[in-house]
PDB file of N, CA and C in Angstrom:
ATOM      1  N   MET A   1       7.127 142.662 -10.653  1.00  0.00           N
ATOM      2  CA  MET A   1       6.025 141.563 -10.768  1.00  0.00           C
ATOM      3  C   MET A   1       6.677 140.245 -10.297  1.00  0.00           C
ATOM      4  N   VAL A   2       7.906 140.056 -10.738  1.00  0.00           N
ATOM      5  CA  VAL A   2       8.608 138.873 -10.524  1.00  0.00           C
ATOM      6  C   VAL A   2       8.875 138.644  -8.960  1.00  0.00           C
ATOM      7  N   GLU A   3       9.148 139.674  -8.333  1.00  0.00           N
ATOM      8  CA  GLU A   3       9.425 139.618  -6.784  1.00  0.00           C
ATOM      9  C   GLU A   3       8.181 139.248  -6.158  1.00  0.00           C
ATOM     10  N   ALA A   4       7.033 139.925  -6.554  1.00  0.00           N
ATOM     11  CA  ALA A   4       5.754 139.683  -5.962  1.00  0.00           C
ATOM     12  C   ALA A   4       5.247 138.178  -6.096  1.00  0.00           C
ATOM     13  N   GLY A   5       5.546 137.835  -7.340  1.00  0.00           N
ATOM     14  CA  GLY A   5       5.121 136.364  -7.733  1.00  0.00           C
ATOM     15  C   GLY A   5       5.995 135.367  -6.957  1.00  0.00           C
ATOM     16  N   GLN A   6       7.177 135.708  -6.829  1.00  0.00           N
ATOM     17  CA  GLN A   6       7.998 134.733  -6.067  1.00  0.00           C
ATOM     18  C   GLN A   6       7.649 134.646  -4.548  1.00  0.00           C
ATOM     19  N   LYS A   7       7.339 135.912  -4.035  1.00  0.00           N
ATOM     20  CA  LYS A   7       6.801 135.826  -2.640  1.00  0.00           C
ATOM     21  C   LYS A   7       5.544 135.194  -2.555  1.00  0.00           C
ATOM     22  N   TYR A   8       4.625 135.412  -3.369  1.00  0.00           N
ATOM     23  CA  TYR A   8       3.386 134.619  -3.308  1.00  0.00           C
ATOM     24  C   TYR A   8       3.488 133.244  -3.491  1.00  0.00           C
ATOM     25  N   SER A   9       4.273 132.856  -4.418  1.00  0.00           N
ATOM     26  CA  SER A   9       4.419 131.216  -4.737  1.00  0.00           C
ATOM     27  C   SER A   9       4.922 130.732  -3.516  1.00  0.00           C
ATOM     28  N   SER A  10       5.984 131.489  -2.881  1.00  0.00           N
ATOM     29  CA  SER A  10       6.599 130.966  -1.742  1.00  0.00           C
ATOM     30  C   SER A  10       5.569 130.836  -0.354  1.00  0.00           C
ATOM     31  N   ASN A  11       4.631 131.612  -0.534  1.00  0.00           N
ATOM     32  CA  ASN A  11       3.817 131.721   0.635  1.00  0.00           C
ATOM     33  C   ASN A  11       2.475 131.075   0.347  1.00  0.00           C
ATOM     34  N   THR A  12       2.118 130.889  -0.922  1.00  0.00           N
ATOM     35  CA  THR A  12       0.709 130.210  -1.105  1.00  0.00           C
ATOM     36  C   THR A  12       0.879 129.155  -2.081  1.00  0.00           C
ATOM     37  N   HIS A  13       0.740 129.318  -3.430  1.00  0.00           N
ATOM     38  CA  HIS A  13       0.850 128.146  -4.325  1.00  0.00           C
ATOM     39  C   HIS A  13       2.115 128.083  -5.019  1.00  0.00           C
ATOM     40  N   ILE A  14       3.089 127.160  -4.809  1.00  0.00           N
ATOM     41  CA  ILE A  14       4.407 127.084  -5.484  1.00  0.00           C
ATOM     42  C   ILE A  14       4.106 126.518  -6.804  1.00  0.00           C
ATOM     43  N   SER A  15       3.259 125.485  -6.898  1.00  0.00           N
ATOM     44  CA  SER A  15       2.973 124.645  -8.062  1.00  0.00           C
ATOM     45  C   SER A  15       1.801 125.290  -8.837  1.00  0.00           C
ATOM     46  N   ASN A  16       1.423 126.544  -8.626  1.00  0.00           N
ATOM     47  CA  ASN A  16       0.278 127.207  -9.301  1.00  0.00           C
ATOM     48  C   ASN A  16       0.586 128.693  -9.581  1.00  0.00           C
ATOM     49  N   PRO A  17       1.499 128.620 -10.712  1.00  0.00           N
ATOM     50  CA  PRO A  17       1.903 130.072 -11.153  1.00  0.00           C
ATOM     51  C   PRO A  17       0.810 130.910 -11.642  1.00  0.00           C
ATOM     52  N   LYS A  18      -0.135 130.161 -12.172  1.00  0.00           N
ATOM     53  CA  LYS A  18      -1.405 130.855 -12.786  1.00  0.00           C
ATOM     54  C   LYS A  18      -2.222 131.598 -11.607  1.00  0.00           C
ATOM     55  N   THR A  19      -2.189 130.892 -10.420  1.00  0.00           N
ATOM     56  CA  THR A  19      -2.891 131.776  -9.282  1.00  0.00           C
ATOM     57  C   THR A  19      -2.078 132.995  -8.834  1.00  0.00           C
ATOM     58  N   ILE A  20      -0.815 132.971  -8.974  1.00  0.00           N
ATOM     59  CA  ILE A  20       0.014 134.148  -8.704  1.00  0.00           C
ATOM     60  C   ILE A  20      -0.247 135.221  -9.568  1.00  0.00           C
ATOM     61  N   VAL A  21      -0.264 134.879 -10.873  1.00  0.00           N
ATOM     62  CA  VAL A  21      -0.746 135.930 -11.785  1.00  0.00           C
ATOM     63  C   VAL A  21      -2.242 136.445 -11.572  1.00  0.00           C
ATOM     64  N   SER A  22      -3.002 135.633 -11.224  1.00  0.00           N
ATOM     65  CA  SER A  22      -4.419 136.143 -10.955  1.00  0.00           C
ATOM     66  C   SER A  22      -4.377 137.077  -9.874  1.00  0.00           C
ATOM     67  N   MET A  23      -3.673 136.677  -8.770  1.00  0.00           N
ATOM     68  CA  MET A  23      -3.701 137.462  -7.537  1.00  0.00           C
ATOM     69  C   MET A  23      -2.886 138.635  -7.752  1.00  0.00           C
ATOM     70  N   SER A  24      -1.922 138.698  -8.529  1.00  0.00           N
ATOM     71  CA  SER A  24      -1.077 139.957  -8.773  1.00  0.00           C
ATOM     72  C   SER A  24      -2.076 140.970  -9.271  1.00  0.00           C
TER      73      SER A  24
END
């Protein structure tokens, strides 16, 4: 999940970790 989160944050919202968790 960390890898996916990092990829998402780098591609979408870097300052929005909550969004990554919701998208995951």
